Amino acid sequence: MTPPNFNDEILLTKMLNVLENDIVPMTQKGVELGNKIFGAAVLRKSDYSLVLAETNNEMENPLWHGEVHLLKRFYEMDANKRPPTSELIFLTTHEPCTMCMSAITWAGFDNYFYFFSHVDSKDAFAIPHDLKIMKELYGLDAGGYNHENAFFTAKGIVEGINSLNSDKKADLLTQVDRIAKSYDEMSATYQNSKSENDIPLS
């Protein structure tokens, strides 16, 4: 199947709902345990229904970023019930780090959507490691990779919403603000408690 329509109002609405109603609640619980604020989900291209949502679990394993932890859980599903990745949309709360970007690619996804950009992560969440690794290892600035390439197409959800010519645009942007506020609150909780955990890059 081809990548999804990145400007589909129905899809953008569904992704905001998954963020707010599925990912945020489990991330709030994860942050209380000391984990970071990143989460992810997969949806079907055919009807945009949710297949699975997950959140960061670095307290168990520093590799369990939101996206990688989701893929771990995804491949723990019954193989007979697990949709092929070519039929799925990958949703992530934050523009992926290089590890997660590669994991999404190796798993066969031809797309991903992100809510917060790399710049948001740098400026709003005081978690600079993703961007430092990208710069130190690959010489790339925030968001400096090819968003359209031979493997996947990546786009920001808010960018998609801002491109809409729709009566519902204002409502969607209100929901964006509400979700962003939830992440601001979780970020404050994480920053206040991170000195108590043993995550290598906290």
N, C-alpha and C. Protein backbone atom coordinates (compact mmCIF):
# COMPACT_ATOMS: atom_id res chain seq x y z
N MET A 1 0.84 -1.20 0.00
CA MET A 1 0.00 0.00 0.00
C MET A 1 0.88 1.25 0.00
N THR A 2 0.34 2.34 -0.53
CA THR A 2 1.07 3.59 -0.59
C THR A 2 0.98 4.33 0.75
N PRO A 3 1.89 5.28 0.99
CA PRO A 3 1.80 6.07 2.22
C PRO A 3 0.46 6.78 2.32
N PRO A 4 0.01 7.08 3.53
CA PRO A 4 -1.29 7.73 3.71
C PRO A 4 -1.28 9.17 3.24
N ASN A 5 -2.46 9.74 3.09
CA ASN A 5 -2.62 11.14 2.74
C ASN A 5 -2.32 11.97 3.98
N PHE A 6 -1.24 12.71 3.96
CA PHE A 6 -0.80 13.44 5.14
C PHE A 6 -1.67 14.65 5.45
N ASN A 7 -2.59 14.98 4.59
CA ASN A 7 -3.48 16.12 4.81
C ASN A 7 -4.93 15.69 4.92
N ASP A 8 -5.17 14.44 5.27
CA ASP A 8 -6.52 13.91 5.42
C ASP A 8 -7.08 14.36 6.77
N GLU A 9 -8.12 15.18 6.75
CA GLU A 9 -8.69 15.72 7.99
C GLU A 9 -9.17 14.62 8.92
N ILE A 10 -9.75 13.57 8.37
CA ILE A 10 -10.25 12.47 9.21
C ILE A 10 -9.09 11.77 9.91
N LEU A 11 -8.00 11.54 9.17
CA LEU A 11 -6.83 10.90 9.77
C LEU A 11 -6.21 11.80 10.83
N LEU A 12 -6.04 13.07 10.55
CA LEU A 12 -5.46 13.99 11.52
C LEU A 12 -6.31 14.04 12.80
N THR A 13 -7.62 14.04 12.63
CA THR A 13 -8.52 14.03 13.79
C THR A 13 -8.35 12.75 14.60
N LYS A 14 -8.30 11.62 13.91
CA LYS A 14 -8.13 10.34 14.58
C LYS A 14 -6.82 10.29 15.35
N MET A 15 -5.74 10.80 14.75
CA MET A 15 -4.45 10.77 15.43
C MET A 15 -4.45 11.63 16.69
N LEU A 16 -5.08 12.79 16.62
CA LEU A 16 -5.19 13.62 17.83
C LEU A 16 -5.96 12.89 18.92
N ASN A 17 -7.02 12.20 18.53
CA ASN A 17 -7.81 11.46 19.52
C ASN A 17 -7.01 10.32 20.15
N VAL A 18 -6.22 9.63 19.33
CA VAL A 18 -5.37 8.55 19.87
C VAL A 18 -4.33 9.13 20.82
N LEU A 19 -3.73 10.24 20.43
CA LEU A 19 -2.77 10.90 21.30
C LEU A 19 -3.39 11.24 22.64
N GLU A 20 -4.54 11.90 22.60
CA GLU A 20 -5.15 12.40 23.84
C GLU A 20 -5.77 11.30 24.69
N ASN A 21 -6.42 10.34 24.05
CA ASN A 21 -7.21 9.36 24.80
C ASN A 21 -6.50 8.05 25.08
N ASP A 22 -5.46 7.74 24.30
CA ASP A 22 -4.77 6.46 24.47
C ASP A 22 -3.32 6.64 24.94
N ILE A 23 -2.55 7.47 24.24
CA ILE A 23 -1.13 7.59 24.57
C ILE A 23 -0.91 8.43 25.83
N VAL A 24 -1.57 9.57 25.94
CA VAL A 24 -1.34 10.45 27.09
C VAL A 24 -1.63 9.74 28.42
N PRO A 25 -2.77 9.05 28.58
CA PRO A 25 -3.01 8.41 29.89
C PRO A 25 -1.95 7.38 30.27
N MET A 26 -1.49 6.56 29.32
CA MET A 26 -0.47 5.56 29.68
C MET A 26 0.88 6.24 29.91
N THR A 27 1.13 7.35 29.21
CA THR A 27 2.39 8.06 29.43
C THR A 27 2.39 8.74 30.80
N GLN A 28 1.26 9.25 31.22
CA GLN A 28 1.18 9.84 32.56
C GLN A 28 1.57 8.82 33.62
N LYS A 29 1.08 7.59 33.46
CA LYS A 29 1.45 6.53 34.41
C LYS A 29 2.92 6.19 34.30
N GLY A 30 3.45 6.16 33.07
CA GLY A 30 4.86 5.85 32.88
C GLY A 30 5.77 6.90 33.48
N VAL A 31 5.40 8.17 33.34
CA VAL A 31 6.20 9.26 33.88
C VAL A 31 6.24 9.17 35.41
N GLU A 32 5.15 8.76 36.01
CA GLU A 32 5.11 8.60 37.46
C GLU A 32 6.10 7.55 37.94
N LEU A 33 6.46 6.61 37.05
CA LEU A 33 7.43 5.57 37.38
C LEU A 33 8.87 5.97 37.04
N GLY A 34 9.03 7.16 36.42
CA GLY A 34 10.36 7.64 36.10
C GLY A 34 10.70 7.63 34.63
N ASN A 35 9.79 7.18 33.77
CA ASN A 35 10.05 7.12 32.33
C ASN A 35 9.89 8.48 31.67
N LYS A 36 10.47 8.61 30.49
CA LYS A 36 10.33 9.83 29.70
C LYS A 36 8.92 9.93 29.10
N ILE A 37 8.70 11.03 28.41
CA ILE A 37 7.34 11.39 27.98
C ILE A 37 6.98 10.92 26.57
N PHE A 38 7.83 10.13 25.93
CA PHE A 38 7.61 9.78 24.53
C PHE A 38 6.74 8.55 24.37
N GLY A 39 5.82 8.58 23.39
CA GLY A 39 4.94 7.45 23.12
C GLY A 39 4.69 7.29 21.62
N ALA A 40 3.96 6.23 21.28
CA ALA A 40 3.71 5.96 19.85
C ALA A 40 2.50 5.06 19.69
N ALA A 41 2.02 4.94 18.47
CA ALA A 41 0.88 4.07 18.17
C ALA A 41 0.94 3.66 16.70
N VAL A 42 0.23 2.59 16.36
CA VAL A 42 0.05 2.21 14.97
C VAL A 42 -1.44 2.12 14.67
N LEU A 43 -1.82 2.63 13.50
CA LEU A 43 -3.21 2.63 13.04
C LEU A 43 -3.27 1.96 11.67
N ARG A 44 -4.41 1.43 11.33
CA ARG A 44 -4.61 0.83 10.02
C ARG A 44 -4.81 1.92 8.97
N LYS A 45 -4.19 1.73 7.81
CA LYS A 45 -4.39 2.65 6.70
C LYS A 45 -5.82 2.56 6.17
N SER A 46 -6.41 1.39 6.27
CA SER A 46 -7.71 1.16 5.63
C SER A 46 -8.84 1.95 6.28
N ASP A 47 -8.85 2.00 7.62
CA ASP A 47 -9.97 2.67 8.31
C ASP A 47 -9.51 3.55 9.47
N TYR A 48 -8.19 3.69 9.65
CA TYR A 48 -7.59 4.52 10.70
C TYR A 48 -7.88 4.00 12.11
N SER A 49 -8.28 2.75 12.23
CA SER A 49 -8.53 2.20 13.55
C SER A 49 -7.20 1.93 14.27
N LEU A 50 -7.24 2.04 15.58
CA LEU A 50 -6.04 1.84 16.39
C LEU A 50 -5.72 0.36 16.51
N VAL A 51 -4.47 0.01 16.26
CA VAL A 51 -4.00 -1.36 16.46
C VAL A 51 -3.35 -1.50 17.82
N LEU A 52 -2.48 -0.55 18.16
CA LEU A 52 -1.73 -0.64 19.41
C LEU A 52 -1.15 0.72 19.75
N ALA A 53 -1.13 1.04 21.04
CA ALA A 53 -0.48 2.25 21.53
C ALA A 53 0.46 1.85 22.67
N GLU A 54 1.54 2.57 22.79
CA GLU A 54 2.51 2.29 23.86
C GLU A 54 3.21 3.58 24.27
N THR A 55 4.03 3.46 25.32
CA THR A 55 4.77 4.61 25.81
C THR A 55 6.19 4.18 26.19
N ASN A 56 6.99 5.15 26.53
CA ASN A 56 8.38 4.92 26.91
C ASN A 56 8.48 4.00 28.12
N ASN A 57 9.46 3.10 28.09
CA ASN A 57 9.68 2.19 29.22
C ASN A 57 11.18 2.05 29.51
N GLU A 58 11.87 3.18 29.53
CA GLU A 58 13.32 3.17 29.73
C GLU A 58 13.74 2.73 31.13
N MET A 59 12.83 2.77 32.08
CA MET A 59 13.17 2.28 33.42
C MET A 59 13.42 0.78 33.39
N GLU A 60 12.82 0.07 32.44
CA GLU A 60 13.07 -1.35 32.27
C GLU A 60 14.31 -1.60 31.42
N ASN A 61 14.43 -0.80 30.34
CA ASN A 61 15.52 -0.98 29.39
C ASN A 61 15.74 0.35 28.68
N PRO A 62 16.96 0.91 28.70
CA PRO A 62 17.17 2.22 28.08
C PRO A 62 16.90 2.26 26.58
N LEU A 63 16.76 1.09 25.95
CA LEU A 63 16.42 1.05 24.53
C LEU A 63 14.92 1.16 24.29
N TRP A 64 14.12 1.03 25.34
CA TRP A 64 12.66 1.04 25.15
C TRP A 64 12.13 2.46 25.05
N HIS A 65 12.62 3.19 24.07
CA HIS A 65 11.99 4.47 23.71
C HIS A 65 10.55 4.18 23.31
N GLY A 66 9.72 5.21 23.26
CA GLY A 66 8.30 4.97 22.96
C GLY A 66 8.08 4.18 21.69
N GLU A 67 8.81 4.54 20.63
CA GLU A 67 8.62 3.87 19.34
C GLU A 67 9.14 2.43 19.36
N VAL A 68 10.31 2.23 19.96
CA VAL A 68 10.89 0.88 20.00
C VAL A 68 10.10 -0.01 20.93
N HIS A 69 9.61 0.55 22.03
CA HIS A 69 8.78 -0.24 22.95
C HIS A 69 7.47 -0.65 22.27
N LEU A 70 6.92 0.25 21.48
CA LEU A 70 5.73 -0.09 20.71
C LEU A 70 6.02 -1.25 19.75
N LEU A 71 7.14 -1.17 19.04
CA LEU A 71 7.48 -2.24 18.10
C LEU A 71 7.71 -3.56 18.82
N LYS A 72 8.30 -3.52 20.00
CA LYS A 72 8.47 -4.72 20.80
C LYS A 72 7.11 -5.35 21.09
N ARG A 73 6.19 -4.54 21.57
CA ARG A 73 4.84 -5.05 21.88
C ARG A 73 4.12 -5.51 20.61
N PHE A 74 4.34 -4.80 19.52
CA PHE A 74 3.69 -5.15 18.26
C PHE A 74 4.10 -6.55 17.82
N TYR A 75 5.40 -6.85 17.92
CA TYR A 75 5.87 -8.16 17.48
C TYR A 75 5.65 -9.25 18.52
N GLU A 76 5.14 -8.88 19.67
CA GLU A 76 4.69 -9.88 20.65
C GLU A 76 3.24 -10.29 20.40
N MET A 77 2.55 -9.59 19.50
CA MET A 77 1.19 -9.95 19.14
C MET A 77 1.17 -11.27 18.40
N ASP A 78 0.04 -11.95 18.44
CA ASP A 78 -0.16 -13.17 17.67
C ASP A 78 0.09 -12.86 16.19
N ALA A 79 1.02 -13.57 15.58
CA ALA A 79 1.39 -13.30 14.19
C ALA A 79 0.20 -13.43 13.25
N ASN A 80 -0.77 -14.25 13.60
CA ASN A 80 -1.95 -14.43 12.74
C ASN A 80 -2.91 -13.24 12.84
N LYS A 81 -2.76 -12.44 13.89
CA LYS A 81 -3.64 -11.29 14.08
C LYS A 81 -2.92 -9.96 13.85
N ARG A 82 -1.62 -10.03 13.64
CA ARG A 82 -0.82 -8.82 13.50
C ARG A 82 -0.82 -8.37 12.04
N PRO A 83 -1.29 -7.15 11.76
CA PRO A 83 -1.30 -6.67 10.36
C PRO A 83 0.12 -6.44 9.84
N PRO A 84 0.35 -6.62 8.55
CA PRO A 84 1.66 -6.28 7.99
C PRO A 84 1.91 -4.78 8.10
N THR A 85 3.15 -4.40 8.33
CA THR A 85 3.45 -2.98 8.53
C THR A 85 3.16 -2.15 7.29
N SER A 86 3.16 -2.76 6.14
CA SER A 86 2.84 -2.02 4.90
C SER A 86 1.42 -1.49 4.91
N GLU A 87 0.57 -2.06 5.79
CA GLU A 87 -0.83 -1.65 5.87
C GLU A 87 -1.10 -0.70 7.03
N LEU A 88 -0.03 -0.20 7.64
CA LEU A 88 -0.18 0.57 8.88
C LEU A 88 0.40 1.98 8.79
N ILE A 89 -0.10 2.83 9.65
CA ILE A 89 0.38 4.19 9.85
C ILE A 89 1.10 4.22 11.19
N PHE A 90 2.28 4.82 11.23
CA PHE A 90 3.04 4.93 12.47
C PHE A 90 2.88 6.35 13.01
N LEU A 91 2.42 6.46 14.23
CA LEU A 91 2.20 7.74 14.90
C LEU A 91 3.15 7.83 16.09
N THR A 92 3.87 8.94 16.20
CA THR A 92 4.76 9.12 17.34
C THR A 92 4.55 10.50 17.95
N THR A 93 4.66 10.57 19.27
CA THR A 93 4.40 11.84 19.95
C THR A 93 5.46 12.88 19.61
N HIS A 94 6.70 12.42 19.44
CA HIS A 94 7.82 13.33 19.17
C HIS A 94 8.58 12.82 17.95
N GLU A 95 9.08 13.72 17.16
CA GLU A 95 9.86 13.33 15.98
C GLU A 95 10.97 12.38 16.43
N PRO A 96 11.07 11.20 15.82
CA PRO A 96 11.93 10.15 16.36
C PRO A 96 13.42 10.48 16.38
N CYS A 97 14.11 9.86 17.35
CA CYS A 97 15.56 9.91 17.38
C CYS A 97 16.09 8.98 16.28
N THR A 98 17.39 8.98 16.07
CA THR A 98 17.95 8.17 14.99
C THR A 98 17.74 6.67 15.22
N MET A 99 17.78 6.22 16.48
CA MET A 99 17.52 4.80 16.77
C MET A 99 16.09 4.43 16.39
N CYS A 100 15.14 5.25 16.82
CA CYS A 100 13.73 4.94 16.56
C CYS A 100 13.39 5.07 15.08
N MET A 101 13.98 6.08 14.44
CA MET A 101 13.79 6.26 13.00
C MET A 101 14.24 5.01 12.25
N SER A 102 15.39 4.50 12.65
CA SER A 102 15.92 3.28 12.00
C SER A 102 15.04 2.08 12.31
N ALA A 103 14.56 1.97 13.55
CA ALA A 103 13.71 0.84 13.92
C ALA A 103 12.41 0.85 13.11
N ILE A 104 11.82 2.02 12.96
CA ILE A 104 10.60 2.15 12.15
C ILE A 104 10.87 1.69 10.72
N THR A 105 12.02 2.09 10.20
CA THR A 105 12.40 1.72 8.84
C THR A 105 12.64 0.23 8.71
N TRP A 106 13.43 -0.35 9.63
CA TRP A 106 13.72 -1.79 9.58
C TRP A 106 12.45 -2.61 9.73
N ALA A 107 11.44 -2.09 10.43
CA ALA A 107 10.20 -2.83 10.60
C ALA A 107 9.32 -2.77 9.35
N GLY A 108 9.67 -1.93 8.38
CA GLY A 108 8.96 -1.92 7.11
C GLY A 108 7.89 -0.87 6.96
N PHE A 109 7.82 0.08 7.87
CA PHE A 109 6.84 1.16 7.73
C PHE A 109 7.30 2.13 6.65
N ASP A 110 6.35 2.60 5.84
CA ASP A 110 6.70 3.56 4.79
C ASP A 110 6.31 4.98 5.17
N ASN A 111 5.99 5.19 6.46
CA ASN A 111 5.52 6.50 6.90
C ASN A 111 5.67 6.64 8.40
N TYR A 112 5.70 7.87 8.86
CA TYR A 112 5.38 8.17 10.25
C TYR A 112 4.95 9.63 10.38
N PHE A 113 4.08 9.85 11.34
CA PHE A 113 3.61 11.18 11.71
C PHE A 113 4.12 11.49 13.11
N TYR A 114 4.49 12.73 13.37
CA TYR A 114 4.91 13.12 14.70
C TYR A 114 4.14 14.37 15.14
N PHE A 115 3.90 14.46 16.46
CA PHE A 115 3.17 15.60 17.03
C PHE A 115 4.12 16.75 17.32
N PHE A 116 5.17 16.49 18.10
CA PHE A 116 6.19 17.49 18.39
C PHE A 116 7.39 17.27 17.47
N SER A 117 8.00 18.34 17.01
CA SER A 117 9.17 18.24 16.14
C SER A 117 10.45 18.12 16.96
N HIS A 118 11.56 17.87 16.29
CA HIS A 118 12.86 17.87 16.95
C HIS A 118 13.11 19.20 17.66
N VAL A 119 12.75 20.28 17.01
CA VAL A 119 12.96 21.60 17.62
C VAL A 119 12.14 21.75 18.88
N ASP A 120 10.90 21.24 18.87
CA ASP A 120 10.08 21.26 20.08
C ASP A 120 10.78 20.51 21.21
N SER A 121 11.32 19.34 20.89
CA SER A 121 11.99 18.53 21.91
C SER A 121 13.17 19.29 22.51
N LYS A 122 13.89 20.00 21.67
CA LYS A 122 15.06 20.76 22.12
C LYS A 122 14.65 21.94 22.98
N ASP A 123 13.65 22.68 22.52
CA ASP A 123 13.32 23.95 23.16
C ASP A 123 12.34 23.82 24.33
N ALA A 124 11.46 22.81 24.29
CA ALA A 124 10.39 22.75 25.27
C ALA A 124 10.54 21.67 26.33
N PHE A 125 11.35 20.64 26.05
CA PHE A 125 11.33 19.48 26.94
C PHE A 125 12.66 19.18 27.63
N ALA A 126 13.67 19.96 27.37
CA ALA A 126 14.97 19.80 28.05
C ALA A 126 15.49 18.38 27.99
N ILE A 127 15.28 17.72 26.84
CA ILE A 127 15.84 16.39 26.60
C ILE A 127 16.60 16.49 25.27
N PRO A 128 17.87 16.92 25.31
CA PRO A 128 18.61 17.25 24.09
C PRO A 128 19.35 16.08 23.46
N HIS A 129 19.28 14.89 24.06
CA HIS A 129 20.16 13.81 23.63
C HIS A 129 19.91 13.38 22.19
N ASP A 130 18.64 13.33 21.77
CA ASP A 130 18.32 12.95 20.40
C ASP A 130 19.08 13.82 19.41
N LEU A 131 19.00 15.13 19.66
CA LEU A 131 19.59 16.08 18.72
C LEU A 131 21.10 16.10 18.82
N LYS A 132 21.62 15.91 20.01
CA LYS A 132 23.08 15.85 20.17
C LYS A 132 23.66 14.64 19.45
N ILE A 133 23.00 13.49 19.58
CA ILE A 133 23.44 12.28 18.87
C ILE A 133 23.39 12.50 17.36
N MET A 134 22.29 13.10 16.89
CA MET A 134 22.15 13.35 15.45
C MET A 134 23.27 14.24 14.94
N LYS A 135 23.64 15.24 15.75
CA LYS A 135 24.68 16.18 15.34
C LYS A 135 26.07 15.55 15.44
N GLU A 136 26.33 14.86 16.56
CA GLU A 136 27.67 14.31 16.79
C GLU A 136 27.97 13.13 15.87
N LEU A 137 26.97 12.27 15.62
CA LEU A 137 27.21 11.08 14.80
C LEU A 137 27.08 11.35 13.31
N TYR A 138 26.12 12.19 12.93
CA TYR A 138 25.80 12.34 11.52
C TYR A 138 25.97 13.76 10.98
N GLY A 139 26.28 14.71 11.86
CA GLY A 139 26.48 16.08 11.42
C GLY A 139 25.20 16.78 11.00
N LEU A 140 24.06 16.30 11.51
CA LEU A 140 22.77 16.87 11.11
C LEU A 140 22.18 17.73 12.22
N ASP A 141 21.57 18.83 11.82
CA ASP A 141 20.85 19.67 12.77
C ASP A 141 19.45 19.11 12.99
N ALA A 142 18.72 19.68 13.94
CA ALA A 142 17.37 19.24 14.25
C ALA A 142 16.52 19.18 12.99
N GLY A 143 15.90 18.03 12.75
CA GLY A 143 15.04 17.86 11.58
C GLY A 143 15.77 17.86 10.26
N GLY A 144 17.12 17.71 10.29
CA GLY A 144 17.91 17.87 9.07
C GLY A 144 18.00 16.65 8.18
N TYR A 145 17.31 15.58 8.53
CA TYR A 145 17.32 14.38 7.69
C TYR A 145 16.30 14.52 6.56
N ASN A 146 16.31 13.60 5.61
CA ASN A 146 15.36 13.65 4.48
C ASN A 146 14.01 13.10 4.92
N HIS A 147 13.03 13.98 5.01
CA HIS A 147 11.69 13.55 5.43
C HIS A 147 10.98 12.73 4.36
N GLU A 148 11.41 12.84 3.13
CA GLU A 148 10.92 12.00 2.05
C GLU A 148 12.12 11.31 1.44
N ASN A 149 12.13 9.99 1.51
CA ASN A 149 13.28 9.23 1.03
C ASN A 149 12.82 7.88 0.49
N ALA A 150 13.74 7.02 0.16
CA ALA A 150 13.39 5.74 -0.46
C ALA A 150 12.66 4.80 0.48
N PHE A 151 12.71 5.08 1.80
CA PHE A 151 12.10 4.18 2.77
C PHE A 151 10.78 4.68 3.33
N PHE A 152 10.71 5.98 3.66
CA PHE A 152 9.51 6.49 4.31
C PHE A 152 9.27 7.96 3.98
N THR A 153 8.05 8.40 4.28
CA THR A 153 7.69 9.81 4.26
C THR A 153 7.27 10.18 5.67
N ALA A 154 7.80 11.28 6.17
CA ALA A 154 7.49 11.72 7.53
C ALA A 154 6.91 13.13 7.50
N LYS A 155 5.93 13.38 8.38
CA LYS A 155 5.33 14.71 8.41
C LYS A 155 4.80 15.02 9.80
N GLY A 156 4.84 16.31 10.16
CA GLY A 156 4.28 16.75 11.42
C GLY A 156 2.77 16.84 11.37
N ILE A 157 2.11 16.38 12.42
CA ILE A 157 0.65 16.44 12.50
C ILE A 157 0.18 17.89 12.50
N VAL A 158 0.83 18.73 13.29
CA VAL A 158 0.41 20.13 13.36
C VAL A 158 0.60 20.81 12.02
N GLU A 159 1.66 20.47 11.32
CA GLU A 159 1.87 20.99 9.96
C GLU A 159 0.70 20.61 9.06
N GLY A 160 0.25 19.36 9.17
CA GLY A 160 -0.88 18.92 8.37
C GLY A 160 -2.15 19.67 8.71
N ILE A 161 -2.38 19.89 10.02
CA ILE A 161 -3.59 20.62 10.45
C ILE A 161 -3.54 22.06 9.95
N ASN A 162 -2.38 22.69 10.04
CA ASN A 162 -2.27 24.08 9.60
C ASN A 162 -2.51 24.24 8.10
N SER A 163 -2.34 23.15 7.34
CA SER A 163 -2.55 23.22 5.89
C SER A 163 -4.01 23.03 5.49
N LEU A 164 -4.86 22.68 6.46
CA LEU A 164 -6.27 22.41 6.16
C LEU A 164 -7.03 23.68 5.84
N ASN A 165 -8.00 23.54 4.95
CA ASN A 165 -8.98 24.60 4.70
C ASN A 165 -10.33 24.02 5.12
N SER A 166 -10.60 24.09 6.42
CA SER A 166 -11.74 23.37 6.97
C SER A 166 -12.34 24.15 8.14
N ASP A 167 -13.65 24.00 8.31
CA ASP A 167 -14.33 24.62 9.45
C ASP A 167 -13.88 24.00 10.76
N LYS A 168 -13.33 22.78 10.71
CA LYS A 168 -12.92 22.09 11.92
C LYS A 168 -11.48 22.41 12.35
N LYS A 169 -10.80 23.20 11.54
CA LYS A 169 -9.39 23.48 11.82
C LYS A 169 -9.20 24.11 13.20
N ALA A 170 -10.04 25.08 13.55
CA ALA A 170 -9.91 25.75 14.85
C ALA A 170 -10.09 24.77 16.00
N ASP A 171 -11.05 23.85 15.86
CA ASP A 171 -11.27 22.85 16.90
C ASP A 171 -10.07 21.92 17.04
N LEU A 172 -9.49 21.55 15.92
CA LEU A 172 -8.32 20.68 15.95
C LEU A 172 -7.14 21.39 16.62
N LEU A 173 -6.95 22.66 16.33
CA LEU A 173 -5.86 23.41 16.94
C LEU A 173 -6.10 23.60 18.44
N THR A 174 -7.35 23.71 18.84
CA THR A 174 -7.66 23.76 20.28
C THR A 174 -7.27 22.45 20.95
N GLN A 175 -7.53 21.33 20.26
CA GLN A 175 -7.13 20.03 20.79
C GLN A 175 -5.61 19.90 20.83
N VAL A 176 -4.94 20.43 19.82
CA VAL A 176 -3.47 20.45 19.81
C VAL A 176 -2.95 21.15 21.07
N ASP A 177 -3.52 22.31 21.38
CA ASP A 177 -3.09 23.06 22.56
C ASP A 177 -3.34 22.27 23.84
N ARG A 178 -4.45 21.58 23.89
CA ARG A 178 -4.79 20.79 25.08
C ARG A 178 -3.79 19.64 25.27
N ILE A 179 -3.46 18.96 24.16
CA ILE A 179 -2.49 17.87 24.22
C ILE A 179 -1.12 18.40 24.62
N ALA A 180 -0.72 19.53 24.03
CA ALA A 180 0.58 20.13 24.35
C ALA A 180 0.65 20.48 25.83
N LYS A 181 -0.43 20.97 26.40
CA LYS A 181 -0.45 21.31 27.83
C LYS A 181 -0.24 20.05 28.67
N SER A 182 -0.85 18.93 28.26
CA SER A 182 -0.65 17.67 28.99
C SER A 182 0.81 17.28 28.99
N TYR A 183 1.48 17.47 27.84
CA TYR A 183 2.90 17.12 27.76
C TYR A 183 3.77 18.09 28.55
N ASP A 184 3.37 19.35 28.62
CA ASP A 184 4.11 20.30 29.47
C ASP A 184 4.06 19.84 30.93
N GLU A 185 2.89 19.39 31.36
CA GLU A 185 2.73 18.94 32.74
C GLU A 185 3.54 17.67 33.00
N MET A 186 3.50 16.73 32.05
CA MET A 186 4.28 15.49 32.22
C MET A 186 5.77 15.79 32.19
N SER A 187 6.18 16.73 31.35
CA SER A 187 7.59 17.08 31.26
C SER A 187 8.08 17.65 32.58
N ALA A 188 7.28 18.49 33.21
CA ALA A 188 7.67 19.07 34.50
C ALA A 188 7.83 17.97 35.55
N THR A 189 6.91 17.01 35.53
CA THR A 189 7.00 15.89 36.47
C THR A 189 8.27 15.10 36.23
N TYR A 190 8.56 14.80 34.95
CA TYR A 190 9.76 14.03 34.63
C TYR A 190 11.03 14.78 35.04
N GLN A 191 11.12 16.05 34.71
CA GLN A 191 12.32 16.82 35.03
C GLN A 191 12.56 16.90 36.53
N ASN A 192 11.48 16.96 37.31
CA ASN A 192 11.61 17.06 38.76
C ASN A 192 12.06 15.75 39.40
N SER A 193 11.86 14.63 38.70
CA SER A 193 12.15 13.33 39.31
C SER A 193 13.29 12.58 38.64
N LYS A 194 13.83 13.08 37.52
CA LYS A 194 14.76 12.29 36.72
C LYS A 194 16.08 12.01 37.43
N SER A 195 16.45 12.82 38.41
CA SER A 195 17.70 12.59 39.14
C SER A 195 17.63 11.32 39.97
N GLU A 196 16.42 10.80 40.18
CA GLU A 196 16.24 9.62 41.01
C GLU A 196 16.32 8.32 40.21
N ASN A 197 16.36 8.41 38.87
CA ASN A 197 16.42 7.18 38.07
C ASN A 197 17.84 6.94 37.57
N ASP A 198 18.05 5.78 36.95
CA ASP A 198 19.38 5.44 36.46
C ASP A 198 19.40 5.26 34.95
N ILE A 199 18.51 5.98 34.24
CA ILE A 199 18.53 5.99 32.78
C ILE A 199 19.82 6.67 32.34
N PRO A 200 20.65 6.04 31.49
CA PRO A 200 21.95 6.62 31.12
C PRO A 200 21.87 8.05 30.58
N LEU A 201 20.94 8.30 29.67
CA LEU A 201 20.77 9.64 29.11
C LEU A 201 19.41 10.17 29.56
N SER A 202 19.36 10.69 30.76
CA SER A 202 18.11 11.24 31.30
C SER A 202 18.12 12.73 31.24
